[in-house]
Amino acid sequence: MTDFDTPFLVKICGLTTLSDANAAIDAGANAVGLILASSPRQLTLDRALAIAEATRGRVLRTLVFRDDDDEFILRAQDLIDADAVQIHGPLSDELRGRLREREVRVIKALSIASDEFYEFNDATVDAVLVDGATPEAERATRGGVVRTILWRTRDRRRGT
C-alpha cells in the first residue's frame, strides 16, 4: 500500500463497484476515492464499506466529502475505517483534530478558482489535491472536470 511519501499520488475517484476498484488497483493506482458527497457517483455507506473492506491493505482508501457536516464525516469514517478523507469545502480545526485522533490522513481539495487555493496552509494536512474546476464547471459537476491547469499557478501559493 502506498503512503503519502511521494510528491504525486494517483487517486482514481468516483469508483462505484468493487470491479472498478480492482481495475484501478491493477492499473497501478495509489489510492481510490469513494464518494460520499452529493454526486452522480455518490455511494451509499453500505456500498462504500463493502469496497473499502475488500480493498484493505492494497490501496489507500479515501472517503470523499463536500460541504458535509463534521458529525457525518466522523460517523462515516468510524463505520468504514478508510485510510484517508478528502474534504472539499470547509475543514474545521476540530474536525482535523478528531480525524488525527483516529489516525486518519487528511486530504484538502483546493479549487484553483478559489482564494483558499492561495491562502491555505498545506502543513495542516497530509496532502493537498489541486482541483482545476472553474466556478461554472464546479456548479455544474461538483468538481472532477478534468481540465488542464498551469503549474506556475501553484508557485504563487503561500502554502507550498
Foldseek 3Di string as FASTA:
>chain_A
DDDLPDPDFAEAELDQALVVVVVCLVVPHQEYEAECEPAPSHDDLVSLLVSLVVCPPSHQYEYEYEPDDLVVVVVSCVRRVGQEYEYHDDDDPVSLVVCVVVNHFYEYEDELQDPCLQEPAQVSGSYYHYFPDHPVRCVVGVTDPPDDDDCVSNVNHPRD
